[in-house]
Amino acid sequence: MKIAACLLGMVMVFAACQESKRERMEREAREYTQQNCPHAEFEDLIFLDSVTCPNDGSNKLTYYYSIHGDSTDMDAIEENHDELFMALLGAVRNSVDLKNVKAEGLDIQYIYYNHQTGEELTTFCFKPEDYN
């Protein structure tokens, strides 16, 4: 009987120590940011600054990018918004790396900022109905 009680207690402690999927996603996003950001995604023009996946009920994975170009580059983002949207949507739909995120039904958001001014240039947000 004492052995069974001990085993039950150990199982309960072990279960309490386990992370939920959302806790794991939040931790992995934080660790990825700490270990890899900022880094250039496209030459020296577009940098991934951070990734967040808060476990606060917001149901969103967000990638924060900064554009390090001149005003011509900033204008190009605005002028090609629809093409960029479709290219990102295709990347999200085909991404193996986002498999768990998509299985959880999270919104996947990309926010682009002007590096010099901090001004938000554009945001793309894909909901499960967009990428499934």
N, C-alpha and C. Protein backbone atom coordinates (compact mmCIF):
# COMPACT_ATOMS: atom_id res chain seq x y z
N MET A 1 0.83 -1.20 0.00
CA MET A 1 0.00 0.00 0.00
C MET A 1 0.87 1.25 0.00
N LYS A 2 1.95 1.23 0.80
CA LYS A 2 2.84 2.39 0.85
C LYS A 2 3.51 2.60 -0.50
N ILE A 3 3.86 1.51 -1.17
CA ILE A 3 4.50 1.61 -2.48
C ILE A 3 3.54 2.25 -3.49
N ALA A 4 2.30 1.83 -3.47
CA ALA A 4 1.29 2.38 -4.38
C ALA A 4 1.10 3.87 -4.12
N ALA A 5 1.06 4.25 -2.84
CA ALA A 5 0.90 5.67 -2.49
C ALA A 5 2.11 6.47 -2.96
N CYS A 6 3.31 5.89 -2.80
CA CYS A 6 4.54 6.55 -3.26
C CYS A 6 4.52 6.72 -4.78
N LEU A 7 4.15 5.67 -5.49
CA LEU A 7 4.09 5.74 -6.95
C LEU A 7 3.06 6.77 -7.41
N LEU A 8 1.92 6.79 -6.77
CA LEU A 8 0.88 7.76 -7.12
C LEU A 8 1.40 9.18 -6.88
N GLY A 9 2.07 9.37 -5.75
CA GLY A 9 2.63 10.69 -5.44
C GLY A 9 3.66 11.11 -6.47
N MET A 10 4.51 10.18 -6.89
CA MET A 10 5.52 10.49 -7.90
C MET A 10 4.88 10.84 -9.23
N VAL A 11 3.84 10.13 -9.61
CA VAL A 11 3.14 10.41 -10.86
C VAL A 11 2.51 11.80 -10.79
N MET A 12 1.92 12.15 -9.67
CA MET A 12 1.29 13.47 -9.52
C MET A 12 2.34 14.58 -9.60
N VAL A 13 3.49 14.39 -8.96
CA VAL A 13 4.55 15.39 -9.02
C VAL A 13 5.08 15.52 -10.44
N PHE A 14 5.30 14.39 -11.09
CA PHE A 14 5.78 14.41 -12.47
C PHE A 14 4.80 15.13 -13.38
N ALA A 15 3.52 14.85 -13.24
CA ALA A 15 2.50 15.48 -14.08
C ALA A 15 2.44 16.98 -13.83
N ALA A 16 2.63 17.39 -12.60
CA ALA A 16 2.58 18.82 -12.27
C ALA A 16 3.76 19.57 -12.88
N CYS A 17 4.87 18.87 -13.13
CA CYS A 17 6.07 19.50 -13.67
C CYS A 17 6.02 19.64 -15.19
N GLN A 18 5.09 19.03 -15.84
CA GLN A 18 5.02 19.06 -17.29
C GLN A 18 4.48 20.40 -17.78
N GLU A 19 5.05 20.86 -18.88
CA GLU A 19 4.58 22.09 -19.51
C GLU A 19 3.37 21.79 -20.39
N SER A 20 2.48 22.75 -20.49
CA SER A 20 1.41 22.62 -21.47
C SER A 20 1.99 22.96 -22.84
N LYS A 21 1.26 22.67 -23.89
CA LYS A 21 1.73 23.00 -25.24
C LYS A 21 1.98 24.49 -25.38
N ARG A 22 1.07 25.27 -24.84
CA ARG A 22 1.20 26.73 -24.95
C ARG A 22 2.39 27.24 -24.14
N GLU A 23 2.62 26.67 -22.98
CA GLU A 23 3.79 27.05 -22.18
C GLU A 23 5.07 26.72 -22.94
N ARG A 24 5.09 25.55 -23.56
CA ARG A 24 6.26 25.14 -24.33
C ARG A 24 6.48 26.07 -25.52
N MET A 25 5.40 26.44 -26.22
CA MET A 25 5.52 27.35 -27.36
C MET A 25 6.04 28.71 -26.92
N GLU A 26 5.54 29.20 -25.79
CA GLU A 26 6.01 30.48 -25.27
C GLU A 26 7.50 30.41 -24.95
N ARG A 27 7.92 29.35 -24.28
CA ARG A 27 9.32 29.17 -23.91
C ARG A 27 10.20 29.04 -25.15
N GLU A 28 9.77 28.25 -26.12
CA GLU A 28 10.56 28.05 -27.32
C GLU A 28 10.71 29.34 -28.12
N ALA A 29 9.66 30.15 -28.20
CA ALA A 29 9.75 31.45 -28.89
C ALA A 29 10.74 32.36 -28.17
N ARG A 30 10.66 32.39 -26.86
CA ARG A 30 11.58 33.22 -26.06
C ARG A 30 13.03 32.75 -26.24
N GLU A 31 13.24 31.44 -26.18
CA GLU A 31 14.59 30.89 -26.35
C GLU A 31 15.13 31.14 -27.76
N TYR A 32 14.27 31.00 -28.76
CA TYR A 32 14.69 31.26 -30.13
C TYR A 32 15.15 32.71 -30.27
N THR A 33 14.37 33.62 -29.72
CA THR A 33 14.71 35.04 -29.77
C THR A 33 16.05 35.30 -29.08
N GLN A 34 16.22 34.74 -27.90
CA GLN A 34 17.46 34.97 -27.15
C GLN A 34 18.67 34.42 -27.88
N GLN A 35 18.53 33.29 -28.55
CA GLN A 35 19.66 32.63 -29.18
C GLN A 35 19.93 33.09 -30.61
N ASN A 36 18.91 33.58 -31.31
CA ASN A 36 19.06 33.81 -32.75
C ASN A 36 18.75 35.22 -33.24
N CYS A 37 18.21 36.07 -32.41
CA CYS A 37 17.77 37.37 -32.90
C CYS A 37 18.63 38.48 -32.33
N PRO A 38 18.80 39.55 -33.06
CA PRO A 38 18.31 39.74 -34.43
C PRO A 38 19.23 39.03 -35.43
N HIS A 39 18.65 38.66 -36.55
CA HIS A 39 19.46 38.12 -37.64
C HIS A 39 18.83 38.46 -38.98
N ALA A 40 19.71 38.57 -39.97
CA ALA A 40 19.27 38.95 -41.31
C ALA A 40 18.49 37.80 -41.94
N GLU A 41 17.34 38.12 -42.46
CA GLU A 41 16.52 37.15 -43.18
C GLU A 41 16.68 37.33 -44.68
N PHE A 42 16.91 38.54 -45.09
CA PHE A 42 17.08 38.84 -46.53
C PHE A 42 18.19 39.87 -46.66
N GLU A 43 19.36 39.36 -47.02
CA GLU A 43 20.56 40.20 -47.14
C GLU A 43 20.70 41.04 -45.88
N ASP A 44 20.96 42.33 -46.03
CA ASP A 44 21.04 43.21 -44.86
C ASP A 44 19.87 44.18 -44.86
N LEU A 45 18.77 43.74 -45.42
CA LEU A 45 17.59 44.59 -45.55
C LEU A 45 16.50 44.25 -44.55
N ILE A 46 16.21 42.98 -44.38
CA ILE A 46 15.13 42.55 -43.49
C ILE A 46 15.72 41.69 -42.39
N PHE A 47 15.46 42.10 -41.14
CA PHE A 47 15.97 41.38 -39.98
C PHE A 47 14.82 40.86 -39.13
N LEU A 48 14.94 39.62 -38.68
CA LEU A 48 14.01 39.09 -37.69
C LEU A 48 14.52 39.54 -36.33
N ASP A 49 13.72 40.34 -35.64
CA ASP A 49 14.14 40.90 -34.34
C ASP A 49 13.70 40.06 -33.16
N SER A 50 12.52 39.45 -33.26
CA SER A 50 12.05 38.61 -32.16
C SER A 50 10.84 37.80 -32.59
N VAL A 51 10.55 36.78 -31.77
CA VAL A 51 9.38 35.93 -31.96
C VAL A 51 8.70 35.83 -30.60
N THR A 52 7.39 35.98 -30.57
CA THR A 52 6.64 35.83 -29.33
C THR A 52 5.46 34.89 -29.54
N CYS A 53 5.14 34.18 -28.47
CA CYS A 53 3.96 33.32 -28.47
C CYS A 53 3.44 33.30 -27.03
N PRO A 54 2.88 34.42 -26.59
CA PRO A 54 2.48 34.52 -25.19
C PRO A 54 1.40 33.52 -24.80
N ASN A 55 1.54 32.99 -23.62
CA ASN A 55 0.56 32.04 -23.08
C ASN A 55 -0.45 32.83 -22.24
N ASP A 56 -1.08 33.81 -22.88
CA ASP A 56 -1.99 34.70 -22.17
C ASP A 56 -3.40 34.69 -22.76
N GLY A 57 -3.67 33.71 -23.59
CA GLY A 57 -4.98 33.62 -24.22
C GLY A 57 -5.09 34.38 -25.52
N SER A 58 -4.01 35.04 -25.95
CA SER A 58 -4.07 35.82 -27.19
C SER A 58 -4.08 34.94 -28.44
N ASN A 59 -3.68 33.68 -28.30
CA ASN A 59 -3.79 32.71 -29.40
C ASN A 59 -3.02 33.15 -30.64
N LYS A 60 -1.79 33.68 -30.43
CA LYS A 60 -1.07 34.27 -31.56
C LYS A 60 0.43 34.03 -31.45
N LEU A 61 1.03 33.65 -32.56
CA LEU A 61 2.48 33.59 -32.71
C LEU A 61 2.85 34.79 -33.56
N THR A 62 3.78 35.63 -33.08
CA THR A 62 4.13 36.85 -33.80
C THR A 62 5.61 36.91 -34.10
N TYR A 63 5.92 37.23 -35.35
CA TYR A 63 7.29 37.48 -35.80
C TYR A 63 7.43 38.99 -36.00
N TYR A 64 8.46 39.58 -35.38
CA TYR A 64 8.72 41.01 -35.50
C TYR A 64 9.95 41.22 -36.38
N TYR A 65 9.76 41.94 -37.48
CA TYR A 65 10.83 42.20 -38.43
C TYR A 65 11.10 43.70 -38.51
N SER A 66 12.34 44.04 -38.80
CA SER A 66 12.67 45.43 -39.07
C SER A 66 13.28 45.52 -40.47
N ILE A 67 12.90 46.60 -41.16
CA ILE A 67 13.41 46.88 -42.50
C ILE A 67 14.51 47.92 -42.34
N HIS A 68 15.70 47.61 -42.84
CA HIS A 68 16.86 48.47 -42.65
C HIS A 68 17.23 49.25 -43.91
N GLY A 69 16.31 49.39 -44.82
CA GLY A 69 16.60 50.07 -46.07
C GLY A 69 16.27 51.55 -46.02
N ASP A 70 16.22 52.13 -47.21
CA ASP A 70 15.88 53.55 -47.33
C ASP A 70 14.39 53.69 -47.64
N SER A 71 13.96 54.90 -47.92
CA SER A 71 12.53 55.15 -48.15
C SER A 71 12.02 54.38 -49.37
N THR A 72 12.87 54.13 -50.35
CA THR A 72 12.45 53.35 -51.52
C THR A 72 12.06 51.94 -51.11
N ASP A 73 12.85 51.35 -50.19
CA ASP A 73 12.53 50.01 -49.71
C ASP A 73 11.23 50.01 -48.92
N MET A 74 11.02 51.05 -48.13
CA MET A 74 9.78 51.16 -47.34
C MET A 74 8.58 51.28 -48.26
N ASP A 75 8.73 52.10 -49.30
CA ASP A 75 7.64 52.27 -50.27
C ASP A 75 7.35 50.97 -51.00
N ALA A 76 8.38 50.19 -51.30
CA ALA A 76 8.20 48.93 -52.01
C ALA A 76 7.35 47.95 -51.20
N ILE A 77 7.50 47.99 -49.91
CA ILE A 77 6.68 47.11 -49.05
C ILE A 77 5.21 47.48 -49.19
N GLU A 78 4.93 48.76 -49.14
CA GLU A 78 3.54 49.22 -49.25
C GLU A 78 2.99 48.93 -50.65
N GLU A 79 3.78 49.19 -51.68
CA GLU A 79 3.33 49.00 -53.06
C GLU A 79 3.10 47.54 -53.41
N ASN A 80 3.81 46.63 -52.75
CA ASN A 80 3.71 45.20 -53.07
C ASN A 80 3.00 44.42 -51.96
N HIS A 81 2.17 45.08 -51.21
CA HIS A 81 1.50 44.47 -50.06
C HIS A 81 0.77 43.18 -50.42
N ASP A 82 -0.01 43.20 -51.49
CA ASP A 82 -0.80 42.02 -51.86
C ASP A 82 0.10 40.85 -52.26
N GLU A 83 1.15 41.13 -53.00
CA GLU A 83 2.08 40.07 -53.40
C GLU A 83 2.80 39.50 -52.18
N LEU A 84 3.19 40.37 -51.27
CA LEU A 84 3.85 39.91 -50.03
C LEU A 84 2.89 39.06 -49.20
N PHE A 85 1.65 39.49 -49.11
CA PHE A 85 0.64 38.72 -48.38
C PHE A 85 0.53 37.31 -48.94
N MET A 86 0.41 37.20 -50.25
CA MET A 86 0.25 35.89 -50.88
C MET A 86 1.50 35.03 -50.72
N ALA A 87 2.68 35.64 -50.82
CA ALA A 87 3.93 34.89 -50.65
C ALA A 87 4.05 34.36 -49.22
N LEU A 88 3.73 35.20 -48.24
CA LEU A 88 3.78 34.75 -46.84
C LEU A 88 2.74 33.68 -46.56
N LEU A 89 1.55 33.85 -47.10
CA LEU A 89 0.50 32.85 -46.89
C LEU A 89 0.95 31.50 -47.45
N GLY A 90 1.55 31.50 -48.63
CA GLY A 90 2.05 30.26 -49.20
C GLY A 90 3.12 29.63 -48.33
N ALA A 91 4.00 30.48 -47.77
CA ALA A 91 5.06 29.98 -46.89
C ALA A 91 4.47 29.38 -45.62
N VAL A 92 3.45 30.03 -45.06
CA VAL A 92 2.80 29.50 -43.86
C VAL A 92 2.13 28.17 -44.17
N ARG A 93 1.40 28.11 -45.24
CA ARG A 93 0.70 26.87 -45.60
C ARG A 93 1.66 25.70 -45.80
N ASN A 94 2.84 25.97 -46.33
CA ASN A 94 3.79 24.91 -46.66
C ASN A 94 4.85 24.68 -45.59
N SER A 95 4.84 25.44 -44.53
CA SER A 95 5.89 25.35 -43.52
C SER A 95 5.76 24.12 -42.63
N VAL A 96 6.80 23.32 -42.62
CA VAL A 96 6.87 22.18 -41.71
C VAL A 96 7.20 22.69 -40.29
N ASP A 97 8.00 23.76 -40.20
CA ASP A 97 8.38 24.32 -38.90
C ASP A 97 7.17 24.83 -38.11
N LEU A 98 6.12 25.21 -38.80
CA LEU A 98 4.93 25.74 -38.13
C LEU A 98 3.86 24.68 -37.89
N LYS A 99 4.21 23.43 -38.10
CA LYS A 99 3.23 22.34 -37.98
C LYS A 99 2.50 22.37 -36.63
N ASN A 100 3.25 22.45 -35.53
CA ASN A 100 2.63 22.44 -34.20
C ASN A 100 1.80 23.69 -33.95
N VAL A 101 2.27 24.82 -34.45
CA VAL A 101 1.55 26.08 -34.29
C VAL A 101 0.21 26.00 -35.01
N LYS A 102 0.24 25.48 -36.23
CA LYS A 102 -0.99 25.35 -37.01
C LYS A 102 -1.93 24.32 -36.38
N ALA A 103 -1.37 23.24 -35.84
CA ALA A 103 -2.20 22.22 -35.18
C ALA A 103 -2.91 22.78 -33.96
N GLU A 104 -2.28 23.76 -33.30
CA GLU A 104 -2.89 24.43 -32.14
C GLU A 104 -3.93 25.47 -32.56
N GLY A 105 -3.97 25.80 -33.85
CA GLY A 105 -4.95 26.77 -34.34
C GLY A 105 -4.60 28.20 -34.00
N LEU A 106 -3.31 28.50 -33.87
CA LEU A 106 -2.89 29.86 -33.53
C LEU A 106 -2.93 30.76 -34.77
N ASP A 107 -3.18 32.04 -34.54
CA ASP A 107 -2.98 33.03 -35.58
C ASP A 107 -1.47 33.19 -35.74
N ILE A 108 -1.02 33.38 -36.96
CA ILE A 108 0.40 33.57 -37.23
C ILE A 108 0.53 34.97 -37.83
N GLN A 109 1.25 35.82 -37.11
CA GLN A 109 1.32 37.24 -37.45
C GLN A 109 2.76 37.65 -37.75
N TYR A 110 2.89 38.51 -38.76
CA TYR A 110 4.18 39.09 -39.14
C TYR A 110 4.04 40.60 -39.08
N ILE A 111 4.87 41.25 -38.29
CA ILE A 111 4.82 42.71 -38.17
C ILE A 111 6.16 43.26 -38.65
N TYR A 112 6.10 44.23 -39.55
CA TYR A 112 7.29 44.85 -40.13
C TYR A 112 7.37 46.31 -39.68
N TYR A 113 8.57 46.69 -39.20
CA TYR A 113 8.83 48.04 -38.72
C TYR A 113 9.94 48.68 -39.52
N ASN A 114 9.91 50.00 -39.59
CA ASN A 114 11.01 50.78 -40.12
C ASN A 114 12.07 50.82 -39.02
N HIS A 115 13.26 50.31 -39.32
CA HIS A 115 14.32 50.24 -38.31
C HIS A 115 14.72 51.62 -37.79
N GLN A 116 14.75 52.60 -38.68
CA GLN A 116 15.21 53.94 -38.29
C GLN A 116 14.20 54.69 -37.43
N THR A 117 12.92 54.59 -37.76
CA THR A 117 11.91 55.38 -37.06
C THR A 117 11.11 54.59 -36.03
N GLY A 118 11.12 53.25 -36.15
CA GLY A 118 10.30 52.42 -35.27
C GLY A 118 8.85 52.36 -35.70
N GLU A 119 8.52 53.04 -36.79
CA GLU A 119 7.15 53.08 -37.30
C GLU A 119 6.76 51.72 -37.87
N GLU A 120 5.54 51.27 -37.53
CA GLU A 120 5.03 50.03 -38.10
C GLU A 120 4.69 50.28 -39.56
N LEU A 121 5.23 49.43 -40.42
CA LEU A 121 4.98 49.56 -41.86
C LEU A 121 3.77 48.75 -42.30
N THR A 122 3.71 47.51 -41.86
CA THR A 122 2.59 46.66 -42.24
C THR A 122 2.53 45.44 -41.33
N THR A 123 1.36 44.85 -41.27
CA THR A 123 1.14 43.62 -40.51
C THR A 123 0.37 42.64 -41.37
N PHE A 124 0.82 41.40 -41.33
CA PHE A 124 0.11 40.31 -41.99
C PHE A 124 -0.29 39.33 -40.90
N CYS A 125 -1.57 38.97 -40.86
CA CYS A 125 -2.03 38.01 -39.86
C CYS A 125 -2.84 36.92 -40.55
N PHE A 126 -2.42 35.68 -40.31
CA PHE A 126 -3.07 34.53 -40.92
C PHE A 126 -3.77 33.72 -39.85
N LYS A 127 -5.03 33.51 -40.04
CA LYS A 127 -5.86 32.73 -39.12
C LYS A 127 -5.95 31.29 -39.62
N PRO A 128 -6.37 30.38 -38.75
CA PRO A 128 -6.45 28.97 -39.18
C PRO A 128 -7.25 28.77 -40.47
N GLU A 129 -8.31 29.53 -40.64
CA GLU A 129 -9.10 29.37 -41.87
C GLU A 129 -8.34 29.83 -43.11
N ASP A 130 -7.29 30.65 -42.92
CA ASP A 130 -6.46 31.08 -44.04
C ASP A 130 -5.46 30.02 -44.46
N TYR A 131 -4.85 29.34 -43.48
CA TYR A 131 -3.76 28.43 -43.81
C TYR A 131 -4.13 26.96 -43.83
N ASN A 132 -5.32 26.59 -43.41
CA ASN A 132 -5.75 25.18 -43.48
C ASN A 132 -6.42 24.86 -44.78
